[in-house]
Amino acid sequence: MDEERDEGERHKIGDPHWTEEQIKRRRQRNLAIAWALAGFIVLFFVVTIVKLGGNLANRPI
């Protein structure tokens, strides 16, 4: 029983201590990922509209 507790204590990770520079770079990286994702979504939307073309308004209901 004591061995299990010691094993858990040994692998415990403490709280990270971020510097202002690390926080700034992480925020910039997150914004870049968000813009890339938004661009990818817009690309899919545009390709879908282009492929449907004029058939979008003439489809049966």
Protein backbone atom coordinates (compact mmCIF):
# COMPACT_ATOMS: atom_id res chain seq x y z
CA MET A 1 0.00 0.00 0.00
CA ASP A 2 2.80 2.43 0.86
CA GLU A 3 4.59 1.53 -2.37
CA GLU A 4 1.56 2.63 -4.42
CA ARG A 5 1.44 6.00 -2.68
CA ASP A 6 5.18 6.51 -3.15
CA GLU A 7 4.85 5.70 -6.86
CA GLY A 8 2.09 8.30 -7.23
CA GLU A 9 4.08 10.92 -5.33
CA ARG A 10 7.09 10.33 -7.53
CA HIS A 11 5.20 11.06 -10.77
CA LYS A 12 3.30 14.12 -9.55
CA ILE A 13 3.74 17.17 -11.78
CA GLY A 14 3.61 20.60 -10.22
CA ASP A 15 1.87 23.70 -11.52
CA PRO A 16 3.62 25.33 -14.48
CA HIS A 17 5.19 28.72 -13.94
CA TRP A 18 4.70 30.68 -17.17
CA THR A 19 6.69 33.78 -17.99
CA GLU A 20 5.02 36.73 -19.69
CA GLU A 21 6.88 35.86 -22.92
CA GLN A 22 5.59 32.27 -22.84
CA ILE A 23 2.02 33.44 -22.26
CA LYS A 24 2.31 35.93 -25.14
CA ARG A 25 3.72 33.30 -27.52
CA ARG A 26 1.08 30.75 -26.52
CA ARG A 27 -1.67 33.30 -27.20
CA GLN A 28 -0.18 34.11 -30.61
CA ARG A 29 0.04 30.42 -31.45
CA ASN A 30 -3.58 29.87 -30.39
CA LEU A 31 -4.73 32.80 -32.54
CA ALA A 32 -2.82 31.42 -35.53
CA ILE A 33 -4.49 28.03 -35.08
CA ALA A 34 -7.91 29.70 -34.74
CA TRP A 35 -7.41 31.71 -37.96
CA ALA A 36 -6.22 28.61 -39.82
CA LEU A 37 -9.28 26.67 -38.65
CA ALA A 38 -11.62 29.51 -39.63
CA GLY A 39 -9.97 29.70 -43.06
CA PHE A 40 -10.37 25.96 -43.52
CA ILE A 41 -14.08 26.19 -42.66
CA VAL A 42 -14.59 29.08 -45.10
CA LEU A 43 -12.73 27.11 -47.78
CA PHE A 44 -15.08 24.14 -47.34
CA PHE A 45 -18.11 26.45 -47.48
CA VAL A 46 -16.93 28.16 -50.67
CA VAL A 47 -16.06 24.87 -52.37
CA THR A 48 -19.49 23.49 -51.47
CA ILE A 49 -21.29 26.54 -52.88
CA VAL A 50 -19.19 26.47 -56.07
CA LYS A 51 -19.79 22.76 -56.61
CA LEU A 52 -23.55 23.17 -56.13
CA GLY A 53 -23.50 26.19 -58.44
CA GLY A 54 -26.83 27.18 -59.95
CA ASN A 55 -28.51 23.97 -58.81
CA LEU A 56 -28.86 25.35 -55.30
CA ALA A 57 -31.91 27.49 -56.19
CA ASN A 58 -33.48 24.95 -58.60
CA ARG A 59 -33.56 21.91 -56.36
CA PRO A 60 -36.88 20.20 -55.58
CA ILE A 61 -38.36 20.82 -52.15
